[in-house]
Amino acid sequence: MKIGSIACDIIVFSVRGEPDLGDELQTITEMVAGDVDSNVIVNLVCVDIIRSSSLTKLLELRQALVCPGMPACAL
């Protein structure tokens, strides 16, 4: 995974795809959890397929950014 930034408040993550995608998304979620000022771009250009478990991780990342502190089941 590559990490870059466009501006001081925007973080860009370039992920590799399966089978590491779920772990990479979990790492991103842990990095930005609780930071209400985080703006995140996940670059999926190298991803050919997304498994359902990785879609779950994307939803958890969204939940961490939109409603920090709320449980994922509140989606």
PDB file of N, CA and C in Angstrom:
ATOM      1  N   MET A   1       0.852  -1.166   0.000  1.00  0.00           N
ATOM      2  CA  MET A   1       0.000   0.000   0.000  1.00  0.00           C
ATOM      3  C   MET A   1       0.896   1.227   0.000  1.00  0.00           C
ATOM      4  N   LYS A   2       0.562   2.187  -0.841  1.00  0.00           N
ATOM      5  CA  LYS A   2       1.262   3.462  -0.873  1.00  0.00           C
ATOM      6  C   LYS A   2       0.384   4.510  -0.221  1.00  0.00           C
ATOM      7  N   ILE A   3       1.007   5.404   0.519  1.00  0.00           N
ATOM      8  CA  ILE A   3       0.286   6.471   1.186  1.00  0.00           C
ATOM      9  C   ILE A   3       0.847   7.797   0.689  1.00  0.00           C
ATOM     10  N   GLY A   4      -0.030   8.684   0.278  1.00  0.00           N
ATOM     11  CA  GLY A   4       0.381  10.007  -0.175  1.00  0.00           C
ATOM     12  C   GLY A   4      -0.648  11.023   0.270  1.00  0.00           C
ATOM     13  N   SER A   5      -0.446  12.267  -0.125  1.00  0.00           N
ATOM     14  CA  SER A   5      -1.432  13.289   0.205  1.00  0.00           C
ATOM     15  C   SER A   5      -1.519  14.302  -0.922  1.00  0.00           C
ATOM     16  N   ILE A   6      -2.719  14.818  -1.122  1.00  0.00           N
ATOM     17  CA  ILE A   6      -2.960  15.856  -2.116  1.00  0.00           C
ATOM     18  C   ILE A   6      -2.828  17.215  -1.443  1.00  0.00           C
ATOM     19  N   ALA A   7      -3.377  17.311  -0.253  1.00  0.00           N
ATOM     20  CA  ALA A   7      -3.326  18.533   0.546  1.00  0.00           C
ATOM     21  C   ALA A   7      -3.118  18.105   1.994  1.00  0.00           C
ATOM     22  N   CYS A   8      -2.988  19.075   2.866  1.00  0.00           N
ATOM     23  CA  CYS A   8      -2.684  18.747   4.264  1.00  0.00           C
ATOM     24  C   CYS A   8      -3.785  17.942   4.941  1.00  0.00           C
ATOM     25  N   ASP A   9      -5.011  18.009   4.428  1.00  0.00           N
ATOM     26  CA  ASP A   9      -6.108  17.296   5.084  1.00  0.00           C
ATOM     27  C   ASP A   9      -6.679  16.156   4.250  1.00  0.00           C
ATOM     28  N   ILE A  10      -6.020  15.802   3.138  1.00  0.00           N
ATOM     29  CA  ILE A  10      -6.489  14.711   2.287  1.00  0.00           C
ATOM     30  C   ILE A  10      -5.396  13.651   2.180  1.00  0.00           C
ATOM     31  N   ILE A  11      -5.731  12.429   2.573  1.00  0.00           N
ATOM     32  CA  ILE A  11      -4.786  11.313   2.514  1.00  0.00           C
ATOM     33  C   ILE A  11      -5.223  10.376   1.393  1.00  0.00           C
ATOM     34  N   VAL A  12      -4.275   9.985   0.550  1.00  0.00           N
ATOM     35  CA  VAL A  12      -4.550   9.076  -0.566  1.00  0.00           C
ATOM     36  C   VAL A  12      -3.867   7.743  -0.287  1.00  0.00           C
ATOM     37  N   PHE A  13      -4.640   6.677  -0.329  1.00  0.00           N
ATOM     38  CA  PHE A  13      -4.122   5.331  -0.143  1.00  0.00           C
ATOM     39  C   PHE A  13      -4.279   4.585  -1.461  1.00  0.00           C
ATOM     40  N   SER A  14      -3.180   4.083  -2.015  1.00  0.00           N
ATOM     41  CA  SER A  14      -3.225   3.243  -3.212  1.00  0.00           C
ATOM     42  C   SER A  14      -3.074   1.797  -2.767  1.00  0.00           C
ATOM     43  N   VAL A  15      -4.121   1.022  -2.953  1.00  0.00           N
ATOM     44  CA  VAL A  15      -4.121  -0.364  -2.489  1.00  0.00           C
ATOM     45  C   VAL A  15      -3.838  -1.304  -3.645  1.00  0.00           C
ATOM     46  N   ARG A  16      -3.366  -2.520  -3.321  1.00  0.00           N
ATOM     47  CA  ARG A  16      -2.932  -3.483  -4.326  1.00  0.00           C
ATOM     48  C   ARG A  16      -4.026  -4.416  -4.794  1.00  0.00           C
ATOM     49  N   GLY A  17      -5.009  -4.662  -4.004  1.00  0.00           N
ATOM     50  CA  GLY A  17      -6.058  -5.608  -4.372  1.00  0.00           C
ATOM     51  C   GLY A  17      -5.971  -6.891  -3.574  1.00  0.00           C
ATOM     52  N   GLU A  18      -6.807  -7.837  -3.940  1.00  0.00           N
ATOM     53  CA  GLU A  18      -6.870  -9.112  -3.232  1.00  0.00           C
ATOM     54  C   GLU A  18      -5.590  -9.896  -3.455  1.00  0.00           C
ATOM     55  N   PRO A  19      -5.124 -10.667  -2.512  1.00  0.00           N
ATOM     56  CA  PRO A  19      -5.757 -11.043  -1.251  1.00  0.00           C
ATOM     57  C   PRO A  19      -5.454 -10.090  -0.101  1.00  0.00           C
ATOM     58  N   ASP A  20      -4.684  -9.024  -0.341  1.00  0.00           N
ATOM     59  CA  ASP A  20      -4.274  -8.120   0.738  1.00  0.00           C
ATOM     60  C   ASP A  20      -5.232  -6.954   0.967  1.00  0.00           C
ATOM     61  N   LEU A  21      -6.224  -6.794   0.130  1.00  0.00           N
ATOM     62  CA  LEU A  21      -7.093  -5.628   0.195  1.00  0.00           C
ATOM     63  C   LEU A  21      -7.781  -5.489   1.547  1.00  0.00           C
ATOM     64  N   GLY A  22      -8.326  -6.559   2.084  1.00  0.00           N
ATOM     65  CA  GLY A  22      -9.015  -6.490   3.374  1.00  0.00           C
ATOM     66  C   GLY A  22      -8.103  -6.009   4.491  1.00  0.00           C
ATOM     67  N   ASP A  23      -6.878  -6.519   4.533  1.00  0.00           N
ATOM     68  CA  ASP A  23      -5.921  -6.094   5.555  1.00  0.00           C
ATOM     69  C   ASP A  23      -5.529  -4.631   5.372  1.00  0.00           C
ATOM     70  N   GLU A  24      -5.355  -4.210   4.126  1.00  0.00           N
ATOM     71  CA  GLU A  24      -4.988  -2.826   3.860  1.00  0.00           C
ATOM     72  C   GLU A  24      -6.111  -1.876   4.277  1.00  0.00           C
ATOM     73  N   LEU A  25      -7.352  -2.241   3.974  1.00  0.00           N
ATOM     74  CA  LEU A  25      -8.492  -1.412   4.368  1.00  0.00           C
ATOM     75  C   LEU A  25      -8.638  -1.354   5.881  1.00  0.00           C
ATOM     76  N   GLN A  26      -8.364  -2.460   6.569  1.00  0.00           N
ATOM     77  CA  GLN A  26      -8.400  -2.476   8.026  1.00  0.00           C
ATOM     78  C   GLN A  26      -7.345  -1.531   8.589  1.00  0.00           C
ATOM     79  N   THR A  27      -6.147  -1.531   8.007  1.00  0.00           N
ATOM     80  CA  THR A  27      -5.068  -0.650   8.437  1.00  0.00           C
ATOM     81  C   THR A  27      -5.452   0.811   8.238  1.00  0.00           C
ATOM     82  N   ILE A  28      -6.054   1.123   7.088  1.00  0.00           N
ATOM     83  CA  ILE A  28      -6.497   2.499   6.823  1.00  0.00           C
ATOM     84  C   ILE A  28      -7.529   2.924   7.856  1.00  0.00           C
ATOM     85  N   THR A  29      -8.489   2.051   8.144  1.00  0.00           N
ATOM     86  CA  THR A  29      -9.539   2.358   9.125  1.00  0.00           C
ATOM     87  C   THR A  29      -8.939   2.641  10.488  1.00  0.00           C
ATOM     88  N   GLU A  30      -7.973   1.841  10.902  1.00  0.00           N
ATOM     89  CA  GLU A  30      -7.325   2.055  12.196  1.00  0.00           C
ATOM     90  C   GLU A  30      -6.534   3.363  12.215  1.00  0.00           C
ATOM     91  N   MET A  31      -5.942   3.736  11.085  1.00  0.00           N
ATOM     92  CA  MET A  31      -5.159   4.972  11.012  1.00  0.00           C
ATOM     93  C   MET A  31      -6.032   6.220  11.157  1.00  0.00           C
ATOM     94  N   VAL A  32      -7.227   6.195  10.580  1.00  0.00           N
ATOM     95  CA  VAL A  32      -8.065   7.398  10.562  1.00  0.00           C
ATOM     96  C   VAL A  32      -9.175   7.378  11.606  1.00  0.00           C
ATOM     97  N   ALA A  33      -9.338   6.279  12.310  1.00  0.00           N
ATOM     98  CA  ALA A  33     -10.415   6.171  13.304  1.00  0.00           C
ATOM     99  C   ALA A  33     -10.286   7.265  14.356  1.00  0.00           C
ATOM    100  N   GLY A  34     -11.378   7.938  14.595  1.00  0.00           N
ATOM    101  CA  GLY A  34     -11.401   8.973  15.618  1.00  0.00           C
ATOM    102  C   GLY A  34     -10.935  10.335  15.139  1.00  0.00           C
ATOM    103  N   ASP A  35     -10.403  10.438  13.947  1.00  0.00           N
ATOM    104  CA  ASP A  35      -9.948  11.721  13.410  1.00  0.00           C
ATOM    105  C   ASP A  35     -11.075  12.300  12.564  1.00  0.00           C
ATOM    106  N   VAL A  36     -11.857  13.198  13.143  1.00  0.00           N
ATOM    107  CA  VAL A  36     -13.034  13.732  12.457  1.00  0.00           C
ATOM    108  C   VAL A  36     -12.669  14.620  11.275  1.00  0.00           C
ATOM    109  N   ASP A  37     -11.427  15.054  11.188  1.00  0.00           N
ATOM    110  CA  ASP A  37     -11.003  15.914  10.085  1.00  0.00           C
ATOM    111  C   ASP A  37     -10.359  15.147   8.939  1.00  0.00           C
ATOM    112  N   SER A  38     -10.396  13.827   8.990  1.00  0.00           N
ATOM    113  CA  SER A  38      -9.771  13.026   7.938  1.00  0.00           C
ATOM    114  C   SER A  38     -10.596  13.048   6.661  1.00  0.00           C
ATOM    115  N   ASN A  39      -9.922  13.252   5.561  1.00  0.00           N
ATOM    116  CA  ASN A  39     -10.492  13.096   4.235  1.00  0.00           C
ATOM    117  C   ASN A  39      -9.653  12.037   3.546  1.00  0.00           C
ATOM    118  N   VAL A  40     -10.288  10.985   3.082  1.00  0.00           N
ATOM    119  CA  VAL A  40      -9.557   9.828   2.581  1.00  0.00           C
ATOM    120  C   VAL A  40      -9.982   9.512   1.153  1.00  0.00           C
ATOM    121  N   ILE A  41      -8.992   9.245   0.315  1.00  0.00           N
ATOM    122  CA  ILE A  41      -9.224   8.720  -1.028  1.00  0.00           C
ATOM    123  C   ILE A  41      -8.563   7.353  -1.080  1.00  0.00           C
ATOM    124  N   VAL A  42      -9.323   6.331  -1.448  1.00  0.00           N
ATOM    125  CA  VAL A  42      -8.773   4.994  -1.624  1.00  0.00           C
ATOM    126  C   VAL A  42      -8.695   4.752  -3.126  1.00  0.00           C
ATOM    127  N   ASN A  43      -7.483   4.680  -3.640  1.00  0.00           N
ATOM    128  CA  ASN A  43      -7.242   4.462  -5.062  1.00  0.00           C
ATOM    129  C   ASN A  43      -7.338   2.960  -5.349  1.00  0.00           C
ATOM    130  N   LEU A  44      -8.358   2.565  -6.081  1.00  0.00           N
ATOM    131  CA  LEU A  44      -8.601   1.162  -6.391  1.00  0.00           C
ATOM    132  C   LEU A  44      -8.209   0.808  -7.824  1.00  0.00           C
ATOM    133  N   VAL A  45      -7.379   1.608  -8.467  1.00  0.00           N
ATOM    134  CA  VAL A  45      -7.056   1.410  -9.875  1.00  0.00           C
ATOM    135  C   VAL A  45      -6.373   0.068 -10.141  1.00  0.00           C
ATOM    136  N   CYS A  46      -5.623  -0.463  -9.191  1.00  0.00           N
ATOM    137  CA  CYS A  46      -4.917  -1.739  -9.367  1.00  0.00           C
ATOM    138  C   CYS A  46      -5.751  -2.942  -8.930  1.00  0.00           C
ATOM    139  N   VAL A  47      -6.982  -2.719  -8.537  1.00  0.00           N
ATOM    140  CA  VAL A  47      -7.835  -3.789  -8.017  1.00  0.00           C
ATOM    141  C   VAL A  47      -8.687  -4.355  -9.148  1.00  0.00           C
ATOM    142  N   ASP A  48      -8.576  -5.667  -9.354  1.00  0.00           N
ATOM    143  CA  ASP A  48      -9.377  -6.336 -10.383  1.00  0.00           C
ATOM    144  C   ASP A  48     -10.680  -6.892  -9.827  1.00  0.00           C
ATOM    145  N   ILE A  49     -10.631  -7.341  -8.582  1.00  0.00           N
ATOM    146  CA  ILE A  49     -11.791  -7.981  -7.963  1.00  0.00           C
ATOM    147  C   ILE A  49     -11.851  -7.551  -6.500  1.00  0.00           C
ATOM    148  N   ILE A  50     -13.068  -7.387  -6.003  1.00  0.00           N
ATOM    149  CA  ILE A  50     -13.265  -7.046  -4.591  1.00  0.00           C
ATOM    150  C   ILE A  50     -14.171  -8.107  -3.990  1.00  0.00           C
ATOM    151  N   ARG A  51     -13.668  -8.790  -2.977  1.00  0.00           N
ATOM    152  CA  ARG A  51     -14.456  -9.816  -2.287  1.00  0.00           C
ATOM    153  C   ARG A  51     -15.438  -9.152  -1.331  1.00  0.00           C
ATOM    154  N   SER A  52     -16.438  -9.903  -0.938  1.00  0.00           N
ATOM    155  CA  SER A  52     -17.453  -9.371  -0.027  1.00  0.00           C
ATOM    156  C   SER A  52     -16.836  -8.945   1.306  1.00  0.00           C
ATOM    157  N   SER A  53     -15.812  -9.652   1.762  1.00  0.00           N
ATOM    158  CA  SER A  53     -15.165  -9.266   3.022  1.00  0.00           C
ATOM    159  C   SER A  53     -14.476  -7.910   2.886  1.00  0.00           C
ATOM    160  N   SER A  54     -13.946  -7.608   1.704  1.00  0.00           N
ATOM    161  CA  SER A  54     -13.314  -6.304   1.478  1.00  0.00           C
ATOM    162  C   SER A  54     -14.366  -5.199   1.361  1.00  0.00           C
ATOM    163  N   LEU A  55     -15.527  -5.528   0.795  1.00  0.00           N
ATOM    164  CA  LEU A  55     -16.623  -4.546   0.764  1.00  0.00           C
ATOM    165  C   LEU A  55     -17.053  -4.190   2.179  1.00  0.00           C
ATOM    166  N   THR A  56     -17.063  -5.185   3.058  1.00  0.00           N
ATOM    167  CA  THR A  56     -17.373  -4.931   4.463  1.00  0.00           C
ATOM    168  C   THR A  56     -16.367  -3.971   5.066  1.00  0.00           C
ATOM    169  N   LYS A  57     -15.090  -4.168   4.764  1.00  0.00           N
ATOM    170  CA  LYS A  57     -14.038  -3.276   5.275  1.00  0.00           C
ATOM    171  C   LYS A  57     -14.203  -1.861   4.729  1.00  0.00           C
ATOM    172  N   LEU A  58     -14.626  -1.719   3.464  1.00  0.00           N
ATOM    173  CA  LEU A  58     -14.891  -0.394   2.909  1.00  0.00           C
ATOM    174  C   LEU A  58     -16.034   0.294   3.651  1.00  0.00           C
ATOM    175  N   LEU A  59     -17.076  -0.461   3.980  1.00  0.00           N
ATOM    176  CA  LEU A  59     -18.191   0.098   4.741  1.00  0.00           C
ATOM    177  C   LEU A  59     -17.765   0.495   6.151  1.00  0.00           C
ATOM    178  N   GLU A  60     -16.899  -0.310   6.758  1.00  0.00           N
ATOM    179  CA  GLU A  60     -16.388   0.025   8.088  1.00  0.00           C
ATOM    180  C   GLU A  60     -15.533   1.284   8.033  1.00  0.00           C
ATOM    181  N   LEU A  61     -14.749   1.450   6.963  1.00  0.00           N
ATOM    182  CA  LEU A  61     -13.960   2.670   6.787  1.00  0.00           C
ATOM    183  C   LEU A  61     -14.882   3.873   6.651  1.00  0.00           C
ATOM    184  N   ARG A  62     -15.915   3.736   5.850  1.00  0.00           N
ATOM    185  CA  ARG A  62     -16.886   4.829   5.697  1.00  0.00           C
ATOM    186  C   ARG A  62     -17.523   5.181   7.034  1.00  0.00           C
ATOM    187  N   GLN A  63     -17.900   4.162   7.785  1.00  0.00           N
ATOM    188  CA  GLN A  63     -18.507   4.378   9.093  1.00  0.00           C
ATOM    189  C   GLN A  63     -17.557   5.126  10.028  1.00  0.00           C
ATOM    190  N   ALA A  64     -16.287   4.760  10.004  1.00  0.00           N
ATOM    191  CA  ALA A  64     -15.282   5.415  10.866  1.00  0.00           C
ATOM    192  C   ALA A  64     -15.108   6.880  10.491  1.00  0.00           C
ATOM    193  N   LEU A  65     -15.285   7.200   9.207  1.00  0.00           N
ATOM    194  CA  LEU A  65     -15.103   8.581   8.754  1.00  0.00           C
ATOM    195  C   LEU A  65     -16.363   9.419   8.929  1.00  0.00           C
ATOM    196  N   VAL A  66     -17.533   8.833   8.670  1.00  0.00           N
ATOM    197  CA  VAL A  66     -18.772   9.578   8.706  1.00  0.00           C
ATOM    198  C   VAL A  66     -19.340   9.706  10.123  1.00  0.00           C
ATOM    199  N   CYS A  67     -19.327   8.617  10.868  1.00  0.00           N
ATOM    200  CA  CYS A  67     -19.915   8.595  12.210  1.00  0.00           C
ATOM    201  C   CYS A  67     -18.930   7.962  13.174  1.00  0.00           C
ATOM    202  N   PRO A  68     -17.837   8.655  13.524  1.00  0.00           N
ATOM    203  CA  PRO A  68     -16.861   8.050  14.432  1.00  0.00           C
ATOM    204  C   PRO A  68     -17.492   7.710  15.778  1.00  0.00           C
ATOM    205  N   GLY A  69     -17.133   6.548  16.284  1.00  0.00           N
ATOM    206  CA  GLY A  69     -17.645   6.122  17.571  1.00  0.00           C
ATOM    207  C   GLY A  69     -18.904   5.289  17.511  1.00  0.00           C
ATOM    208  N   MET A  70     -19.580   5.290  16.359  1.00  0.00           N
ATOM    209  CA  MET A  70     -20.778   4.484  16.214  1.00  0.00           C
ATOM    210  C   MET A  70     -20.396   3.065  15.817  1.00  0.00           C
ATOM    211  N   PRO A  71     -21.088   2.079  16.323  1.00  0.00           N
ATOM    212  CA  PRO A  71     -20.785   0.699  15.914  1.00  0.00           C
ATOM    213  C   PRO A  71     -21.137   0.477  14.450  1.00  0.00           C
ATOM    214  N   ALA A  72     -20.409  -0.406  13.785  1.00  0.00           N
ATOM    215  CA  ALA A  72     -20.624  -0.681  12.367  1.00  0.00           C
ATOM    216  C   ALA A  72     -22.028  -1.214  12.083  1.00  0.00           C
ATOM    217  N   CYS A  73     -22.648  -1.866  13.055  1.00  0.00           N
ATOM    218  CA  CYS A  73     -23.980  -2.425  12.833  1.00  0.00           C
ATOM    219  C   CYS A  73     -25.034  -1.335  12.702  1.00  0.00           C
ATOM    220  N   ALA A  74     -24.678  -0.084  12.985  1.00  0.00           N
ATOM    221  CA  ALA A  74     -25.627   1.021  12.871  1.00  0.00           C
ATOM    222  C   ALA A  74     -25.771   1.508  11.435  1.00  0.00           C
ATOM    223  N   LEU A  75     -25.020   0.882  10.490  1.00  0.00           N
ATOM    224  CA  LEU A  75     -25.136   1.273   9.090  1.00  0.00           C
ATOM    225  C   LEU A  75     -26.541   1.054   8.675  1.00  0.00           C
TER     226      LEU A  75
END
